[in-house]
Amino acid sequence: MAAFRVGFIGTGKDPSKPGRTGYAMAYQHGSGYRALGGKCEMVACADLVQERADAFAAHFGLARTYTDYHEMLAKEHLDIVSICTWPHLHARMVVDCAEAGVPAVHCEKPMARTWGDSRRMAEVCAQAGAKLTFNHQRRFGKPFRKAKGLLDAGEIGKLVKIESGMGNLYDYGSHNFDMCGYFNDQAPCEWVIAQIDYHRESVVFGAHNENSAVALWRYENGVYGYQATGLGDADTRNIMGAYNRLVGTGGVIEIEPAGEGMPMLRVKRQGDAGWQGINCEGEHCHGPGYNERAVANVVHGLEDGTTAELCAENALQATEIIFACWESSRRRGLIELPLDIEDNPLEEMVASGALLG
């Protein structure tokens, strides 16, 4: 079998200097494709800044660079395209890849700037037969995998509630909501109620993110979700008590509990005198190796025709809750799903002056 031809849109800045204006995620994707050996051939990249494209090409040994990704799509006959740009660009680029006949598109998160764009990019890819995936790579980390294993084994009884903290609802929260879906076997969400604070401008990768939020939602299988962000504390784990908490009828599982010297993963079963730490073999909430496993999941799905775990359907479930949280704040009430809006409620509220003092 010939190697899959891989191209990149958006190579990013120097990967040794990550920050709020970019993490050079294309380099993370590239490492994933390279780890698969002969299965993938990285052939081209496109970036508006020629020097960045040249640096990326030199790093991975790519034959050609472009400053116009449309030209790359027209000339390179790519099997997979990794999109590593800011979220407001995702929808247009994903649609362009699908319409150019690219069989698989692996895009960074969050999905898109608006809920309407998020749905449309998934719909266009489905109609074109293109496999669309999003880089929610934490699904492949040992703390999360082992927590799910404990849950599935019935170690804490039946799942009742999933709690999460850290970051914000959109950029960072895209991971949090995706993990909630993972733990709850992708059960659809039924309703959402939330409130947010935006007293100072907070823009991450060109998109507004609230300063703090409290959100409650219910899945159709009766499981509840609860998330808190910000709340005036640099580390929301100190308020939530853990990065993730799975509450069951017979115990609790915590991922990265707050406090000095705590294990990355621990479980307390009903009747236990204390917590049992679970060995995660040096892995934490951010890696190492998660991006490589995510890329492998995408490529394997293309190889055997199966649906990747990082599929657009799973990403849409998480993204709908994000926009529903902001819509709940805009309407000041409970939001029943499916969500019936097209725009970005937070962006609209900021533009109207409804939030900033």
Protein backbone atom coordinates (compact mmCIF):
# COMPACT_ATOMS: atom_id res chain seq x y z
CA MET A 1 0.00 0.00 0.00
CA ALA A 2 1.34 3.44 -0.92
CA ALA A 3 1.96 5.87 1.90
CA PHE A 4 -0.74 8.43 2.63
CA ARG A 5 0.26 11.84 1.29
CA VAL A 6 0.03 14.42 4.08
CA GLY A 7 -0.12 18.21 3.88
CA PHE A 8 -0.38 20.95 6.50
CA ILE A 9 -2.26 24.24 6.59
CA GLY A 10 -0.74 26.61 9.14
CA THR A 11 2.71 25.65 10.38
CA GLY A 12 2.92 28.12 13.25
CA LYS A 13 5.72 29.95 14.95
CA ASP A 14 8.81 28.57 16.67
CA PRO A 15 7.61 25.47 18.59
CA SER A 16 10.15 26.15 21.33
CA LYS A 17 8.25 29.32 22.29
CA PRO A 18 4.61 28.28 22.87
CA GLY A 19 2.06 30.74 24.24
CA ARG A 20 -1.36 32.37 23.91
CA THR A 21 -0.65 33.36 20.30
CA GLY A 22 0.25 29.85 19.20
CA TYR A 23 1.60 26.45 20.15
CA ALA A 24 2.88 25.47 16.69
CA MET A 25 0.62 22.42 16.78
CA ALA A 26 1.58 21.47 13.23
CA TYR A 27 4.89 20.28 14.69
CA GLN A 28 2.96 18.04 17.09
CA HIS A 29 0.91 16.64 14.22
CA GLY A 30 4.06 16.20 12.15
CA SER A 31 5.71 14.17 14.91
CA GLY A 32 2.65 11.93 14.91
CA TYR A 33 2.81 11.25 11.19
CA ARG A 34 6.56 10.67 11.37
CA ALA A 35 6.09 8.14 14.18
CA LEU A 36 3.95 6.03 11.83
CA GLY A 37 6.93 5.43 9.57
CA GLY A 38 6.13 4.29 6.05
CA LYS A 39 2.38 4.70 6.44
CA CYS A 40 2.59 8.45 5.83
CA GLU A 41 4.62 10.72 3.58
CA MET A 42 4.62 14.38 4.58
CA VAL A 43 4.91 16.19 1.26
CA ALA A 44 3.88 19.85 1.57
CA CYS A 45 2.82 22.66 3.87
CA ALA A 46 1.18 26.06 3.51
CA ASP A 47 1.60 29.12 5.70
CA LEU A 48 1.06 32.80 4.99
CA VAL A 49 4.58 33.47 6.29
CA GLN A 50 7.10 31.90 3.94
CA GLU A 51 9.83 31.71 6.59
CA ARG A 52 7.59 29.64 8.86
CA ALA A 53 6.69 27.27 6.05
CA ASP A 54 10.36 26.91 5.14
CA ALA A 55 11.33 26.15 8.75
CA PHE A 56 8.62 23.51 9.05
CA ALA A 57 9.57 21.92 5.74
CA ALA A 58 13.23 21.77 6.76
CA HIS A 59 12.32 20.22 10.11
CA PHE A 60 10.30 17.38 8.57
CA GLY A 61 11.94 17.09 5.16
CA LEU A 62 8.96 18.27 3.09
CA ALA A 63 9.53 18.75 -0.62
CA ARG A 64 7.39 21.85 -1.22
CA THR A 65 6.00 24.90 0.59
CA TYR A 66 3.16 27.26 -0.29
CA THR A 67 1.81 30.56 0.98
CA ASP A 68 -1.61 29.80 -0.58
CA TYR A 69 -3.19 26.59 0.69
CA HIS A 70 -5.59 26.51 -2.27
CA GLU A 71 -2.60 26.05 -4.57
CA MET A 72 -1.32 23.22 -2.38
CA LEU A 73 -4.71 21.47 -2.48
CA ALA A 74 -4.85 21.81 -6.27
CA LYS A 75 -1.35 20.46 -6.91
CA GLU A 76 -0.47 17.90 -4.26
CA HIS A 77 -3.27 15.25 -4.41
CA LEU A 78 -3.26 14.89 -0.64
CA ASP A 79 -4.83 12.04 1.34
CA ILE A 80 -4.69 13.81 4.72
CA VAL A 81 -4.52 17.50 5.62
CA SER A 82 -3.77 18.74 9.11
CA ILE A 83 -5.26 22.18 9.80
CA CYS A 84 -3.40 23.97 12.58
CA THR A 85 -4.70 27.53 12.38
CA TRP A 86 -6.82 29.72 14.66
CA PRO A 87 -10.46 28.61 15.09
CA HIS A 88 -12.09 31.39 13.04
CA LEU A 89 -10.29 29.95 9.97
CA HIS A 90 -11.19 26.30 10.52
CA ALA A 91 -14.59 26.14 8.84
CA ARG A 92 -13.52 27.67 5.53
CA MET A 93 -10.35 25.59 5.37
CA VAL A 94 -12.12 22.33 6.23
CA VAL A 95 -14.78 22.98 3.57
CA ASP A 96 -12.10 23.83 1.00
CA CYS A 97 -10.28 20.56 1.74
CA ALA A 98 -13.47 18.53 1.42
CA GLU A 99 -14.44 20.23 -1.83
CA ALA A 100 -10.91 19.60 -3.16
CA GLY A 101 -11.45 15.87 -2.62
CA VAL A 102 -9.15 15.34 0.38
CA PRO A 103 -10.22 12.01 1.99
CA ALA A 104 -9.28 12.96 5.58
CA VAL A 105 -9.01 16.31 7.40
CA HIS A 106 -7.52 16.47 10.89
CA CYS A 107 -8.22 19.87 12.47
CA GLU A 108 -7.15 21.55 15.67
CA LYS A 109 -9.77 22.43 18.28
CA PRO A 110 -12.04 24.26 19.05
CA MET A 111 -14.17 23.40 16.02
CA ALA A 112 -15.13 26.83 14.69
CA ARG A 113 -16.01 30.42 15.61
CA THR A 114 -19.79 29.84 15.55
CA TRP A 115 -22.18 26.97 16.14
CA GLY A 116 -23.49 27.30 12.59
CA ASP A 117 -19.98 26.96 11.13
CA SER A 118 -19.30 23.95 13.35
CA ARG A 119 -22.32 22.13 11.99
CA ARG A 120 -21.71 23.13 8.38
CA MET A 121 -18.12 21.93 8.24
CA ALA A 122 -19.22 18.53 9.53
CA GLU A 123 -22.14 18.40 7.07
CA VAL A 124 -19.98 19.29 4.06
CA CYS A 125 -17.41 16.63 4.94
CA ALA A 126 -20.11 14.01 5.43
CA GLN A 127 -21.61 14.84 2.02
CA ALA A 128 -18.18 14.72 0.37
CA GLY A 129 -17.22 11.45 2.06
CA ALA A 130 -14.28 13.11 3.83
CA LYS A 131 -13.34 11.89 7.29
CA LEU A 132 -13.24 14.94 9.59
CA THR A 133 -11.50 14.68 12.95
CA PHE A 134 -10.50 17.12 15.70
CA ASN A 135 -7.42 16.94 17.88
CA HIS A 136 -8.95 16.16 21.28
CA GLN A 137 -5.83 14.19 22.08
CA ARG A 138 -6.42 13.81 25.83
CA ARG A 139 -8.65 10.83 25.09
CA PHE A 140 -5.45 8.86 24.58
CA GLY A 141 -3.71 9.70 27.87
CA LYS A 142 -3.23 7.03 30.51
CA PRO A 143 -4.88 9.03 33.34
CA PHE A 144 -8.06 9.32 31.25
CA ARG A 145 -7.92 5.82 29.75
CA LYS A 146 -7.34 4.23 33.14
CA ALA A 147 -10.13 6.29 34.71
CA LYS A 148 -12.50 5.07 31.99
CA GLY A 149 -11.33 1.51 32.58
CA LEU A 150 -12.14 1.77 36.28
CA LEU A 151 -15.55 3.25 35.43
CA ASP A 152 -16.37 0.56 32.87
CA ALA A 153 -15.30 -2.16 35.31
CA GLY A 154 -17.92 -0.94 37.78
CA GLU A 155 -15.37 0.15 40.39
CA ILE A 156 -17.53 3.13 41.45
CA GLY A 157 -20.92 1.73 40.51
CA LYS A 158 -23.13 3.53 38.01
CA LEU A 159 -21.96 6.94 36.78
CA VAL A 160 -24.03 9.80 38.24
CA LYS A 161 -22.07 13.01 37.61
CA ILE A 162 -18.96 14.23 35.76
CA GLU A 163 -17.18 17.31 37.10
CA SER A 164 -14.36 19.28 35.53
CA GLY A 165 -12.46 22.51 36.10
CA MET A 166 -9.57 24.50 34.66
CA GLY A 167 -9.32 27.04 31.86
CA ASN A 168 -12.39 28.30 30.06
CA LEU A 169 -15.43 26.89 28.29
CA TYR A 170 -14.20 27.30 24.70
CA ASP A 171 -10.48 27.00 24.05
CA TYR A 172 -9.43 24.90 27.03
CA GLY A 173 -12.98 23.74 27.66
CA SER A 174 -13.19 22.03 24.29
CA HIS A 175 -11.01 19.32 25.82
CA ASN A 176 -13.00 19.23 29.05
CA PHE A 177 -16.38 18.78 27.38
CA ASP A 178 -14.96 16.22 24.97
CA MET A 179 -13.64 14.18 27.89
CA CYS A 180 -17.04 14.34 29.57
CA GLY A 181 -18.54 12.85 26.42
CA TYR A 182 -15.84 10.17 26.39
CA PHE A 183 -16.51 9.16 30.00
CA ASN A 184 -20.28 9.03 29.36
CA ASP A 185 -20.06 6.93 26.16
CA GLN A 186 -21.06 9.89 23.96
CA ALA A 187 -24.60 10.08 25.32
CA PRO A 188 -26.39 13.13 23.82
CA CYS A 189 -26.89 16.19 26.01
CA GLU A 190 -30.47 17.09 26.93
CA TRP A 191 -30.22 20.59 28.46
CA VAL A 192 -27.71 23.18 29.70
CA ILE A 193 -27.89 26.04 32.19
CA ALA A 194 -24.91 28.33 32.80
CA GLN A 195 -23.73 31.76 33.81
CA ILE A 196 -20.56 33.55 32.78
CA ASP A 197 -18.52 36.61 33.74
CA TYR A 198 -16.66 38.76 31.18
CA HIS A 199 -15.54 41.90 33.00
CA ARG A 200 -12.22 42.15 31.14
CA GLU A 201 -11.28 41.25 27.58
CA SER A 202 -9.98 37.70 27.19
CA VAL A 203 -9.00 36.68 23.67
CA VAL A 204 -7.24 33.38 22.97
CA PHE A 205 -6.17 32.57 19.41
CA GLY A 206 -8.39 35.34 18.11
CA ALA A 207 -11.52 34.17 19.93
CA HIS A 208 -13.30 35.51 23.02
CA ASN A 209 -13.30 33.33 26.13
CA GLU A 210 -15.17 34.14 29.32
CA ASN A 211 -13.24 35.06 32.46
CA SER A 212 -15.19 32.61 34.61
CA ALA A 213 -18.22 30.38 34.33
CA VAL A 214 -20.38 27.86 36.13
CA ALA A 215 -22.25 25.32 34.01
CA LEU A 216 -24.64 22.46 34.70
CA TRP A 217 -26.00 20.09 32.07
CA ARG A 218 -27.84 16.78 31.84
CA TYR A 219 -27.31 13.93 29.39
CA GLU A 220 -30.20 11.89 28.02
CA ASN A 221 -29.08 8.88 30.07
CA GLY A 222 -29.55 10.86 33.31
CA VAL A 223 -25.89 11.63 34.01
CA TYR A 224 -25.16 15.23 35.02
CA GLY A 225 -22.18 17.37 34.06
CA TYR A 226 -20.78 20.25 36.08
CA GLN A 227 -17.95 22.58 35.13
CA ALA A 228 -16.39 25.67 36.70
CA THR A 229 -13.81 27.94 35.06
CA GLY A 230 -11.85 30.93 36.31
CA LEU A 231 -13.68 32.06 39.44
CA GLY A 232 -10.83 34.39 40.33
CA ASP A 233 -8.38 31.56 40.97
CA ALA A 234 -5.34 30.82 38.81
CA ASP A 235 -5.91 27.10 39.38
CA THR A 236 -9.58 26.13 39.32
CA ARG A 237 -8.65 22.71 40.67
CA ASN A 238 -8.33 24.40 44.06
CA ILE A 239 -12.07 25.15 43.85
CA MET A 240 -13.23 21.98 42.08
CA GLY A 241 -10.74 19.82 43.96
CA ALA A 242 -9.60 17.96 40.85
CA TYR A 243 -9.12 18.31 37.12
CA ASN A 244 -11.87 15.74 36.54
CA ARG A 245 -14.09 13.92 39.02
CA LEU A 246 -16.32 10.96 38.19
CA VAL A 247 -19.02 10.44 40.82
CA GLY A 248 -20.74 7.07 40.89
CA THR A 249 -23.33 5.32 43.01
CA GLY A 250 -20.50 3.41 44.69
CA GLY A 251 -17.46 5.65 44.74
CA VAL A 252 -15.44 8.46 43.18
CA ILE A 253 -12.57 8.71 40.68
CA GLU A 254 -10.39 11.83 40.53
CA ILE A 255 -7.94 12.84 37.81
CA GLU A 256 -5.17 15.21 38.94
CA PRO A 257 -6.59 16.09 42.36
CA ALA A 258 -5.41 19.38 43.83
CA GLY A 259 -2.68 19.40 46.46
CA GLU A 260 1.00 18.68 46.90
CA GLY A 261 2.20 15.14 46.26
CA MET A 262 -1.15 13.89 44.99
CA PRO A 263 -1.29 10.99 42.49
CA MET A 264 -2.33 11.77 38.93
CA LEU A 265 -5.26 9.37 39.29
CA ARG A 266 -6.99 8.00 42.35
CA VAL A 267 -10.14 6.06 43.24
CA LYS A 268 -12.20 5.71 46.40
CA ARG A 269 -14.68 2.87 46.35
CA GLN A 270 -17.69 2.70 48.62
CA GLY A 271 -16.57 1.25 51.94
CA ASP A 272 -12.87 2.02 51.39
CA ALA A 273 -11.05 3.66 54.28
CA GLY A 274 -9.14 5.94 51.92
CA TRP A 275 -8.06 6.68 48.37
CA GLN A 276 -6.09 4.29 46.16
CA GLY A 277 -3.57 5.92 43.82
CA ILE A 278 -3.32 4.53 40.29
CA ASN A 279 0.02 4.46 38.48
CA CYS A 280 -0.18 6.45 35.22
CA GLU A 281 3.42 5.65 34.23
CA GLY A 282 4.63 9.23 34.17
CA GLU A 283 1.79 10.62 32.04
CA HIS A 284 -0.17 13.67 33.10
CA CYS A 285 -3.11 15.65 31.69
CA HIS A 286 -1.12 16.98 28.74
CA GLY A 287 1.11 14.11 27.70
CA PRO A 288 3.60 12.97 26.69
CA GLY A 289 2.70 11.14 23.49
CA TYR A 290 -0.96 12.13 23.22
CA ASN A 291 -0.70 13.94 19.89
CA GLU A 292 1.13 11.00 18.34
CA ARG A 293 -1.65 8.64 19.46
CA ALA A 294 -4.28 11.03 18.14
CA VAL A 295 -2.69 11.13 14.69
CA ALA A 296 -2.40 7.33 14.72
CA ASN A 297 -6.14 7.13 15.44
CA VAL A 298 -6.86 9.34 12.42
CA VAL A 299 -4.61 7.34 10.08
CA HIS A 300 -5.93 3.98 11.24
CA GLY A 301 -9.47 5.16 10.56
CA LEU A 302 -8.48 6.08 7.02
CA GLU A 303 -6.69 2.76 6.57
CA ASP A 304 -9.54 0.48 7.57
CA GLY A 305 -12.55 2.71 6.87
CA THR A 306 -13.68 2.84 10.49
CA THR A 307 -14.85 5.91 12.39
CA ALA A 308 -12.03 7.50 14.35
CA GLU A 309 -12.56 8.23 18.01
CA LEU A 310 -11.77 11.87 17.22
CA CYS A 311 -14.62 12.10 14.70
CA ALA A 312 -16.63 15.24 14.05
CA GLU A 313 -19.74 13.69 15.62
CA ASN A 314 -18.02 13.48 19.00
CA ALA A 315 -16.57 16.96 18.63
CA LEU A 316 -20.02 18.36 17.80
CA GLN A 317 -21.46 16.96 21.03
CA ALA A 318 -18.83 18.81 23.06
CA THR A 319 -19.07 21.99 20.99
CA GLU A 320 -22.85 22.17 21.25
CA ILE A 321 -22.59 22.28 25.05
CA ILE A 322 -20.04 25.11 24.85
CA PHE A 323 -22.26 27.33 22.71
CA ALA A 324 -25.31 26.32 24.77
CA CYS A 325 -23.55 27.57 27.92
CA TRP A 326 -23.04 30.97 26.34
CA GLU A 327 -26.60 30.95 24.98
CA SER A 328 -27.91 30.17 28.45
CA SER A 329 -26.10 33.26 29.74
CA ARG A 330 -27.50 35.34 26.88
CA ARG A 331 -31.09 34.17 27.43
CA ARG A 332 -30.68 33.94 31.22
CA GLY A 333 -32.28 30.53 31.31
CA LEU A 334 -32.13 26.82 30.66
CA ILE A 335 -31.37 25.80 27.07
CA GLU A 336 -32.86 22.62 25.67
CA LEU A 337 -30.92 20.86 22.93
CA PRO A 338 -30.57 20.57 19.99
CA LEU A 339 -29.29 24.13 19.94
CA ASP A 340 -31.25 26.40 17.58
CA ILE A 341 -28.74 29.21 16.93
CA GLU A 342 -26.18 29.98 14.23
CA ASP A 343 -23.95 32.60 15.86
CA ASN A 344 -21.51 32.85 18.77
CA PRO A 345 -23.47 34.17 21.78
CA LEU A 346 -20.39 35.31 23.71
CA GLU A 347 -19.03 37.20 20.73
CA GLU A 348 -22.41 38.87 20.16
CA MET A 349 -22.74 39.85 23.82
CA VAL A 350 -19.25 41.35 23.85
CA ALA A 351 -19.94 43.29 20.64
CA SER A 352 -23.23 44.65 22.01
CA GLY A 353 -21.63 45.79 25.26
CA ALA A 354 -23.86 43.51 27.30
CA LEU A 355 -20.93 42.07 29.27
CA LEU A 356 -17.97 44.41 29.57
CA GLY A 357 -18.39 47.26 32.03
